[in-house]
């Protein structure tokens, strides 16, 4: 797989060199521009996966660079950098299209975390854009099964409603984030979609991540931090793995949902919030309530309009559609010819339970595309859990192939023993000449040489 390519646009040469050294150690490619014009030129030429852009440059501002990139239709995730503590300008840049911002000085580990998070998010967004019209719905969800049609109808209805909270549940890997983006597209097209994984950070950092923090509010807080709730203003806040929230954070989230207000860490001042809040979980939250791991009042506040995303095994023939979709997608991504999947293996994949759901199928196709580009996939190329799974349809198909091969070998051998004389060969086989002729036609043996 291609390395992540990073473009740094900053006039501080020492900082740029430090960033290049650290990111290359992480296996990334890094190019640098030391002013706005050079940065725009490199963005066009290099097509980076992500850009780090300083707010203040010698020839133009970071805001102006953002505007040029937008005019040039260069949809590249951009993270703003400021050495001046200008949080307001950074937030304004985010509203203009930047995906995040950092204030100097910053930890290089934080830089790497931001790159990985935003590049992965960008890939998901590209996946929504890259679609085959026949089998892909307008929200990017691939499938034509009845449960997916019901899901799409729910997304449309709930997205158009006035509700301010939605709870999405379903097993891991089913596409809950894609459903959240579909809701956002219906409700708040053109506005911010801010995603946070509630299981990704310790409690004190997660609170600051969500609600922001005043300078000095906690150890390591050297600058005032704007939270994701504020960055999502007027748009959508997607709280993935909401069941992992600590009790204290659950209480603060309940305040946000009920009063539409919040407080930054270290601040006594309440701020207003206008955000569409979507929670997602792979847990049984009602059971978590009974086990006293999740607040009952928060659960009922979230669960007004629940959406359940089905497991892949419940989606009838969608495996075939998803398979073809991901084959095309990864061939395009890798610049390779599409892999070929014979029907016997398609049957096996169709009957497999897919405990990892769509994510497992997606990962399988990506792996096969990288390892066997343009080739026909063999049963030995599949992972053991699929090869060893029960597959009556696939096994039956393979058995037929095996029997036909054996039958063909026997007929060829007997014909050779009788110098091609079909009457004698038929007698030796214990069947009529006419039956032998029909079998040879069925086995495509009309031109057998003896």
Protein backbone atom coordinates (compact mmCIF):
# COMPACT_ATOMS: atom_id res chain seq x y z
CA UNK A 1 0.00 0.00 0.00
CA UNK A 2 1.22 3.52 -0.83
CA UNK A 3 2.78 5.55 1.98
CA UNK A 4 0.90 8.48 3.47
CA UNK A 5 2.17 11.64 1.77
CA UNK A 6 2.28 14.80 3.89
CA UNK A 7 2.76 18.37 2.65
CA UNK A 8 4.06 20.88 5.21
CA UNK A 9 3.66 24.59 4.36
CA UNK A 10 5.60 26.65 6.94
CA UNK A 11 8.40 29.23 6.77
CA UNK A 12 10.15 27.99 9.95
CA UNK A 13 12.86 25.81 8.48
CA UNK A 14 13.92 24.16 11.76
CA UNK A 15 10.34 23.14 12.57
CA UNK A 16 9.85 21.77 9.05
CA UNK A 17 13.02 19.69 9.33
CA UNK A 18 11.90 18.28 12.71
CA UNK A 19 8.50 17.37 11.29
CA UNK A 20 10.06 15.72 8.22
CA UNK A 21 12.46 13.68 10.39
CA UNK A 22 9.69 12.47 12.72
CA UNK A 23 7.16 11.62 10.01
CA UNK A 24 9.70 9.81 7.85
CA UNK A 25 10.53 7.69 10.91
CA UNK A 26 6.82 6.76 10.94
CA UNK A 27 7.06 5.55 7.33
CA UNK A 28 5.50 8.63 5.70
CA UNK A 29 6.63 10.66 2.69
CA UNK A 30 7.03 14.38 3.42
CA UNK A 31 7.38 17.35 1.07
CA UNK A 32 7.72 20.96 2.22
CA UNK A 33 6.88 24.42 0.92
CA UNK A 34 8.22 27.51 2.67
CA UNK A 35 5.64 30.02 1.41
CA UNK A 36 2.05 30.02 0.21
CA UNK A 37 2.72 29.98 -3.54
CA UNK A 38 5.20 27.13 -3.28
CA UNK A 39 2.73 25.24 -1.07
CA UNK A 40 -0.10 25.57 -3.61
CA UNK A 41 2.24 24.44 -6.41
CA UNK A 42 3.30 21.35 -4.41
CA UNK A 43 -0.31 20.55 -3.50
CA UNK A 44 -1.13 20.38 -7.23
CA UNK A 45 2.00 18.45 -8.22
CA UNK A 46 2.32 16.01 -5.32
CA UNK A 47 -1.37 15.32 -4.52
CA UNK A 48 -0.64 14.79 -0.79
CA UNK A 49 -2.93 12.87 1.55
CA UNK A 50 -2.87 15.69 4.10
CA UNK A 51 -1.50 19.25 4.45
CA UNK A 52 -0.05 21.06 7.49
CA UNK A 53 -0.50 24.79 6.84
CA UNK A 54 0.83 27.68 8.92
CA UNK A 55 -1.61 30.57 9.44
CA UNK A 56 1.11 33.16 8.86
CA UNK A 57 3.37 32.86 5.80
CA UNK A 58 5.73 35.38 4.13
CA UNK A 59 3.68 35.98 0.97
CA UNK A 60 0.08 35.16 1.91
CA UNK A 61 -1.96 34.02 4.89
CA UNK A 62 -2.95 30.44 5.56
CA UNK A 63 -6.57 31.52 5.02
CA UNK A 64 -5.70 32.72 1.51
CA UNK A 65 -3.94 29.44 0.77
CA UNK A 66 -7.08 27.57 1.88
CA UNK A 67 -9.18 29.70 -0.49
CA UNK A 68 -6.82 29.01 -3.41
CA UNK A 69 -6.90 25.26 -2.73
CA UNK A 70 -10.70 25.38 -2.70
CA UNK A 71 -10.83 27.33 -5.99
CA UNK A 72 -8.49 24.76 -7.53
CA UNK A 73 -10.85 21.96 -6.35
CA UNK A 74 -8.05 20.38 -4.30
CA UNK A 75 -10.03 18.54 -1.63
CA UNK A 76 -7.09 17.69 0.62
CA UNK A 77 -7.51 17.45 4.42
CA UNK A 78 -5.72 20.47 5.89
CA UNK A 79 -4.57 21.03 9.47
CA UNK A 80 -3.79 24.62 10.45
CA UNK A 81 -0.71 25.52 12.53
CA UNK A 82 -0.40 28.73 14.53
CA UNK A 83 2.52 30.07 16.56
CA UNK A 84 0.54 33.00 17.80
CA UNK A 85 -2.12 31.40 19.98
CA UNK A 86 -4.69 32.72 17.51
CA UNK A 87 -7.38 30.18 18.36
CA UNK A 88 -10.15 32.30 16.87
CA UNK A 89 -8.43 32.42 13.49
CA UNK A 90 -7.78 28.68 13.65
CA UNK A 91 -11.46 27.99 14.38
CA UNK A 92 -12.40 30.27 11.49
CA UNK A 93 -10.05 28.25 9.27
CA UNK A 94 -11.80 25.06 10.35
CA UNK A 95 -15.12 26.61 9.36
CA UNK A 96 -13.61 27.44 5.96
CA UNK A 97 -12.67 23.82 5.40
CA UNK A 98 -9.62 22.90 7.50
CA UNK A 99 -10.13 19.64 9.37
CA UNK A 100 -8.24 20.58 12.57
CA UNK A 101 -5.59 22.89 14.02
CA UNK A 102 -2.48 22.78 16.21
CA UNK A 103 -0.92 25.53 18.29
CA UNK A 104 2.88 25.81 18.48
CA UNK A 105 4.68 24.40 20.34
CA UNK A 106 3.15 20.97 19.93
CA UNK A 107 4.23 17.39 20.56
CA UNK A 108 5.24 15.45 17.46
CA UNK A 109 3.29 12.45 18.78
CA UNK A 110 0.18 14.61 18.64
CA UNK A 111 1.04 15.45 15.04
CA UNK A 112 1.23 11.77 14.08
CA UNK A 113 -2.09 11.08 15.84
CA UNK A 114 -3.79 13.88 13.90
CA UNK A 115 -2.39 12.63 10.59
CA UNK A 116 -3.56 9.05 11.11
CA UNK A 117 -6.99 10.14 12.33
CA UNK A 118 -7.65 12.58 9.50
CA UNK A 119 -6.18 10.45 6.71
CA UNK A 120 -8.39 7.54 7.79
CA UNK A 121 -11.39 9.87 7.94
CA UNK A 122 -10.55 11.15 4.45
CA UNK A 123 -10.41 7.57 3.13
CA UNK A 124 -13.87 6.92 4.52
CA UNK A 125 -15.17 10.07 2.84
CA UNK A 126 -13.56 9.04 -0.46
CA UNK A 127 -15.25 5.67 -0.12
CA UNK A 128 -18.60 7.44 0.00
CA UNK A 129 -17.73 9.49 -3.10
CA UNK A 130 -16.40 6.48 -5.01
CA UNK A 131 -19.55 4.56 -5.78
CA UNK A 132 -21.16 2.51 -8.49
CA UNK A 133 -24.50 4.15 -9.16
CA UNK A 134 -26.41 0.94 -9.76
CA UNK A 135 -25.79 -0.66 -6.37
CA UNK A 136 -24.92 2.31 -4.16
CA UNK A 137 -27.45 4.53 -2.45
CA UNK A 138 -27.05 8.31 -2.30
CA UNK A 139 -25.67 8.03 1.25
CA UNK A 140 -22.86 5.69 0.18
CA UNK A 141 -24.35 2.48 1.62
CA UNK A 142 -23.96 -0.41 -0.82
CA UNK A 143 -26.81 -2.92 -0.96
CA UNK A 144 -30.29 -3.72 -2.22
CA UNK A 145 -31.50 -6.11 0.48
CA UNK A 146 -34.82 -5.36 2.24
CA UNK A 147 -33.07 -4.47 5.52
CA UNK A 148 -30.83 -1.95 3.74
CA UNK A 149 -33.81 -0.42 1.96
CA UNK A 150 -35.48 -0.02 5.36
CA UNK A 151 -32.28 1.50 6.77
CA UNK A 152 -32.06 4.01 3.92
CA UNK A 153 -35.69 4.98 4.46
CA UNK A 154 -34.98 5.57 8.17
CA UNK A 155 -31.96 7.74 7.36
CA UNK A 156 -34.07 9.91 5.06
CA UNK A 157 -37.01 10.23 7.47
CA UNK A 158 -34.96 10.88 10.61
CA UNK A 159 -32.56 13.20 8.81
CA UNK A 160 -35.49 15.39 7.74
CA UNK A 161 -37.07 15.40 11.22
CA UNK A 162 -36.49 18.03 13.92
CA UNK A 163 -34.89 15.63 16.40
CA UNK A 164 -31.54 16.72 17.83
CA UNK A 165 -30.34 13.27 18.94
CA UNK A 166 -30.10 9.84 17.31
CA UNK A 167 -28.68 6.56 18.64
CA UNK A 168 -27.21 4.09 16.12
CA UNK A 169 -26.58 0.54 17.29
CA UNK A 170 -25.18 -2.52 15.58
CA UNK A 171 -22.27 -4.96 15.62
CA UNK A 172 -18.72 -3.77 14.94
CA UNK A 173 -17.90 -3.33 11.28
CA UNK A 174 -21.47 -2.85 10.04
CA UNK A 175 -21.02 0.76 8.92
CA UNK A 176 -22.47 2.84 11.75
CA UNK A 177 -20.21 5.79 10.84
CA UNK A 178 -21.52 5.65 7.27
CA UNK A 179 -25.09 5.81 8.60
CA UNK A 180 -24.10 8.83 10.73
CA UNK A 181 -22.68 10.56 7.67
CA UNK A 182 -25.86 9.75 5.76
CA UNK A 183 -27.96 11.41 8.48
CA UNK A 184 -25.64 14.43 8.44
CA UNK A 185 -25.92 14.71 4.67
CA UNK A 186 -29.71 14.88 4.90
CA UNK A 187 -29.83 17.15 7.95
CA UNK A 188 -26.84 19.49 7.63
CA UNK A 189 -25.38 19.37 4.10
CA UNK A 190 -22.41 21.68 3.77
CA UNK A 191 -21.86 22.07 7.52
CA UNK A 192 -19.26 20.52 9.84
CA UNK A 193 -19.28 16.78 10.56
CA UNK A 194 -17.11 16.21 13.64
CA UNK A 195 -16.34 12.64 14.71
CA UNK A 196 -14.82 11.45 17.97
CA UNK A 197 -14.14 7.94 19.22
CA UNK A 198 -15.16 7.92 22.89
CA UNK A 199 -12.88 4.97 23.62
CA UNK A 200 -9.76 6.55 22.13
CA UNK A 201 -8.62 8.88 24.94
CA UNK A 202 -8.37 8.91 28.76
CA UNK A 203 -11.28 10.57 30.58
CA UNK A 204 -9.61 13.94 31.32
CA UNK A 205 -8.35 14.27 27.74
CA UNK A 206 -11.70 13.23 26.29
CA UNK A 207 -13.48 15.92 28.29
CA UNK A 208 -11.08 18.56 26.94
CA UNK A 209 -11.40 17.10 23.43
CA UNK A 210 -15.19 17.37 23.55
CA UNK A 211 -15.80 20.56 25.50
CA UNK A 212 -12.52 22.45 25.19
CA UNK A 213 -10.21 23.61 27.99
CA UNK A 214 -8.85 26.82 29.42
CA UNK A 215 -5.10 27.37 29.54
CA UNK A 216 -3.63 25.51 32.52
CA UNK A 217 -6.83 23.55 33.18
CA UNK A 218 -4.84 20.29 33.33
CA UNK A 219 -1.24 19.12 33.14
CA UNK A 220 0.15 19.85 29.71
CA UNK A 221 -2.56 22.36 28.83
CA UNK A 222 -0.38 25.27 27.73
CA UNK A 223 -2.94 26.95 25.47
CA UNK A 224 -6.68 27.46 25.46
CA UNK A 225 -8.25 24.58 23.50
CA UNK A 226 -11.43 24.74 21.47
CA UNK A 227 -13.50 21.57 21.84
CA UNK A 228 -15.21 19.48 19.21
CA UNK A 229 -18.68 20.55 20.36
CA UNK A 230 -17.80 24.13 19.48
CA UNK A 231 -16.17 23.13 16.20
CA UNK A 232 -19.37 21.23 15.26
CA UNK A 233 -21.55 24.31 15.84
CA UNK A 234 -24.39 24.33 13.31
CA UNK A 235 -23.47 20.84 12.15
CA UNK A 236 -23.21 17.29 13.46
CA UNK A 237 -21.26 15.79 16.37
CA UNK A 238 -20.79 12.03 15.97
CA UNK A 239 -19.90 10.21 19.19
CA UNK A 240 -18.68 6.75 18.18
CA UNK A 241 -18.48 4.04 20.87
CA UNK A 242 -20.62 6.18 23.17
CA UNK A 243 -21.06 3.21 25.52
CA UNK A 244 -17.40 3.62 26.55
CA UNK A 245 -17.99 7.06 28.11
CA UNK A 246 -17.15 7.47 31.79
CA UNK A 247 -20.01 8.31 34.21
CA UNK A 248 -18.82 11.90 34.67
CA UNK A 249 -18.66 12.48 30.93
CA UNK A 250 -22.11 10.94 30.55
CA UNK A 251 -23.45 13.55 33.01
CA UNK A 252 -21.88 16.40 31.01
CA UNK A 253 -23.25 14.98 27.76
CA UNK A 254 -26.73 14.80 29.30
CA UNK A 255 -26.47 18.50 30.18
CA UNK A 256 -25.52 19.26 26.59
CA UNK A 257 -28.48 17.29 25.22
CA UNK A 258 -31.07 18.64 27.65
CA UNK A 259 -29.99 22.28 27.99
CA UNK A 260 -27.98 22.76 24.81
CA UNK A 261 -25.19 24.23 26.95
CA UNK A 262 -21.70 23.14 28.04
CA UNK A 263 -18.67 24.37 29.99
CA UNK A 264 -15.04 24.09 28.93
CA UNK A 265 -12.66 22.39 31.36
CA UNK A 266 -11.50 25.02 33.85
CA UNK A 267 -14.24 27.51 32.98
CA UNK A 268 -17.36 28.50 34.93
CA UNK A 269 -18.98 30.15 31.89
CA UNK A 270 -21.74 28.31 30.07
CA UNK A 271 -21.70 28.28 26.28
CA UNK A 272 -24.64 27.64 23.97
CA UNK A 273 -24.49 24.77 21.50
CA UNK A 274 -26.48 24.12 18.34
CA UNK A 275 -25.41 20.66 17.25
CA UNK A 276 -27.07 17.51 15.93
CA UNK A 277 -25.72 14.76 18.23
CA UNK A 278 -25.44 11.19 16.93
CA UNK A 279 -24.26 8.41 19.23
CA UNK A 280 -23.19 4.96 18.05
CA UNK A 281 -22.47 1.77 19.96
CA UNK A 282 -21.89 -1.95 19.43
CA UNK A 283 -23.02 -2.63 23.00
CA UNK A 284 -26.50 -3.44 24.29
CA UNK A 285 -26.97 -0.10 26.04
CA UNK A 286 -30.17 -1.16 27.76
CA UNK A 287 -28.24 -4.01 29.38
CA UNK A 288 -25.49 -1.53 30.25
CA UNK A 289 -28.17 0.56 31.99
CA UNK A 290 -29.32 -2.47 33.98
CA UNK A 291 -25.70 -3.21 34.90
CA UNK A 292 -25.32 0.43 36.02
CA UNK A 293 -22.59 1.15 33.48
CA UNK A 294 -24.64 3.67 31.53
CA UNK A 295 -26.99 6.38 32.78
CA UNK A 296 -30.66 5.52 32.38
CA UNK A 297 -31.69 9.15 31.77
CA UNK A 298 -29.00 9.57 29.10
CA UNK A 299 -30.04 6.34 27.39
CA UNK A 300 -33.67 7.46 27.09
CA UNK A 301 -32.59 10.93 25.99
CA UNK A 302 -30.54 9.38 23.16
CA UNK A 303 -32.91 6.58 22.25
CA UNK A 304 -35.84 8.67 20.98
CA UNK A 305 -35.24 7.66 17.35
CA UNK A 306 -32.98 4.59 17.37
CA UNK A 307 -31.46 3.12 14.23
CA UNK A 308 -30.24 -0.48 14.14
CA UNK A 309 -27.63 -1.38 11.52
CA UNK A 310 -27.93 -5.06 10.48
CA UNK A 311 -25.09 -7.57 10.51
CA UNK A 312 -23.84 -8.55 7.05
CA UNK A 313 -25.20 -12.10 7.40
CA UNK A 314 -28.72 -10.59 7.65
CA UNK A 315 -28.39 -8.76 4.35
CA UNK A 316 -29.44 -11.47 1.86
CA UNK A 317 -27.42 -11.08 -1.35
CA UNK A 318 -25.59 -7.86 -0.48
CA UNK A 319 -22.31 -9.78 -0.08
CA UNK A 320 -22.11 -10.11 -3.87
CA UNK A 321 -22.73 -6.38 -4.41
CA UNK A 322 -20.23 -5.38 -1.72
CA UNK A 323 -17.68 -7.81 -3.12
CA UNK A 324 -17.87 -6.29 -6.62
CA UNK A 325 -17.90 -2.77 -5.18
CA UNK A 326 -14.74 -3.30 -3.13
CA UNK A 327 -13.01 -5.14 -6.01
CA UNK A 328 -13.49 -2.06 -8.21
CA UNK A 329 -12.67 0.34 -5.38
CA UNK A 330 -9.36 -1.24 -4.36
CA UNK A 331 -8.28 -1.84 -7.96
CA UNK A 332 -8.71 1.91 -8.45
CA UNK A 333 -6.96 2.74 -5.16
CA UNK A 334 -3.98 0.47 -5.84
CA UNK A 335 -3.74 1.23 -9.56
CA UNK A 336 -4.09 -2.49 -10.33
CA UNK A 337 -6.29 -4.70 -12.46
CA UNK A 338 -9.32 -6.04 -10.53
CA UNK A 339 -9.02 -9.47 -8.94
CA UNK A 340 -11.21 -12.25 -10.35
CA UNK A 341 -13.43 -14.28 -8.00
CA UNK A 342 -14.73 -17.60 -9.45
CA UNK A 343 -18.30 -18.62 -8.68
CA UNK A 344 -17.32 -21.46 -6.35
CA UNK A 345 -15.49 -18.99 -4.09
CA UNK A 346 -18.30 -16.45 -4.41
CA UNK A 347 -20.67 -19.14 -3.12
CA UNK A 348 -18.38 -19.77 -0.17
CA UNK A 349 -18.14 -16.06 0.64
CA UNK A 350 -21.92 -15.72 0.35
CA UNK A 351 -22.51 -18.48 2.90
CA UNK A 352 -19.79 -17.34 5.34
CA UNK A 353 -21.13 -15.71 8.53
CA UNK A 354 -18.84 -12.61 8.41
CA UNK A 355 -18.44 -12.02 12.16
CA UNK A 356 -16.46 -8.86 11.33
CA UNK A 357 -19.25 -7.74 8.97
CA UNK A 358 -18.59 -5.28 6.11
CA UNK A 359 -15.21 -4.28 7.56
CA UNK A 360 -14.02 -7.91 7.39
CA UNK A 361 -15.14 -8.25 3.76
CA UNK A 362 -13.54 -4.92 2.86
CA UNK A 363 -10.24 -5.91 4.49
CA UNK A 364 -10.28 -9.27 2.69
CA UNK A 365 -10.73 -7.68 -0.74
CA UNK A 366 -8.02 -5.10 -0.01
CA UNK A 367 -5.59 -7.86 1.02
CA UNK A 368 -6.37 -9.99 -2.05
CA UNK A 369 -6.00 -6.97 -4.37
CA UNK A 370 -2.56 -6.17 -2.96
CA UNK A 371 -1.29 -9.77 -2.93
CA UNK A 372 -2.88 -11.10 -6.17
CA UNK A 373 -3.52 -8.08 -8.44
CA UNK A 374 -5.47 -8.99 -11.58
CA UNK A 375 -5.34 -12.70 -10.74
CA UNK A 376 -8.06 -15.26 -10.24
CA UNK A 377 -8.39 -15.89 -6.52
CA UNK A 378 -7.84 -19.50 -5.41
CA UNK A 379 -9.34 -21.21 -2.36
CA UNK A 380 -5.82 -21.36 -0.88
CA UNK A 381 -5.64 -17.54 -0.99
CA UNK A 382 -8.49 -17.19 1.50
CA UNK A 383 -7.92 -16.97 5.27
CA UNK A 384 -8.34 -20.22 7.26
CA UNK A 385 -11.55 -19.09 8.99
CA UNK A 386 -13.28 -18.82 5.61
CA UNK A 387 -11.72 -21.95 4.10
CA UNK A 388 -12.76 -24.02 7.13
CA UNK A 389 -16.26 -22.59 7.39
CA UNK A 390 -19.28 -24.67 6.49
CA UNK A 391 -20.23 -24.04 2.89
CA UNK A 392 -22.70 -26.56 1.52
CA UNK A 393 -23.18 -24.62 -1.70
CA UNK A 394 -19.47 -24.15 -2.36
CA UNK A 395 -18.64 -27.72 -1.34
CA UNK A 396 -21.32 -29.09 -3.64
CA UNK A 397 -19.92 -27.04 -6.53
CA UNK A 398 -16.40 -28.28 -5.85
CA UNK A 399 -17.66 -31.88 -5.59
CA UNK A 400 -19.34 -31.63 -9.00
CA UNK A 401 -16.09 -30.31 -10.51
CA UNK A 402 -14.17 -33.18 -8.93
CA UNK A 403 -16.61 -35.88 -10.14
CA UNK A 404 -16.67 -34.48 -13.68
CA UNK A 405 -12.88 -34.42 -13.82
CA UNK A 406 -12.70 -38.05 -12.68
CA UNK A 407 -15.38 -39.10 -15.18
CA UNK A 408 -13.54 -37.37 -18.02
CA UNK A 409 -10.26 -39.13 -17.12
CA UNK A 410 -11.95 -42.57 -17.06
CA UNK A 411 -13.61 -42.09 -20.46
CA UNK A 412 -10.35 -40.84 -22.03
CA UNK A 413 -8.44 -43.84 -20.63
CA UNK A 414 -11.01 -46.40 -21.88
CA UNK A 415 -11.12 -44.77 -25.33
CA UNK A 416 -7.35 -44.97 -25.55
CA UNK A 417 -7.45 -48.66 -24.57
CA UNK A 418 -9.91 -49.33 -27.44
CA UNK A 419 -8.20 -47.15 -30.04
CA UNK A 420 -11.04 -44.61 -30.01
CA UNK A 421 -13.77 -47.13 -30.91
CA UNK A 422 -16.73 -45.76 -29.00
CA UNK A 423 -18.84 -48.92 -29.29
CA UNK A 424 -16.19 -51.03 -27.56
CA UNK A 425 -15.46 -48.26 -25.03
CA UNK A 426 -19.16 -48.01 -24.17
CA UNK A 427 -19.38 -51.76 -23.71
CA UNK A 428 -16.32 -51.72 -21.42
CA UNK A 429 -17.93 -48.93 -19.37
CA UNK A 430 -21.21 -50.84 -19.13
CA UNK A 431 -23.27 -48.15 -20.90
CA UNK A 432 -24.79 -47.74 -24.35
CA UNK A 433 -22.97 -46.02 -27.22
CA UNK A 434 -25.64 -43.30 -27.15
CA UNK A 435 -25.14 -42.73 -23.40
CA UNK A 436 -21.38 -42.45 -23.92
CA UNK A 437 -21.93 -39.90 -26.70
CA UNK A 438 -24.21 -37.78 -24.44
CA UNK A 439 -21.71 -37.91 -21.57
CA UNK A 440 -18.86 -36.85 -23.84
CA UNK A 441 -20.96 -33.91 -25.07
CA UNK A 442 -21.82 -32.90 -21.50
CA UNK A 443 -18.15 -33.06 -20.54
CA UNK A 444 -17.12 -31.15 -23.69
CA UNK A 445 -15.13 -34.15 -24.98
CA UNK A 446 -16.27 -34.07 -28.61
CA UNK A 447 -12.73 -33.48 -29.86
CA UNK A 448 -10.85 -36.04 -27.73
CA UNK A 449 -7.71 -37.29 -29.46
CA UNK A 450 -6.89 -41.01 -29.27
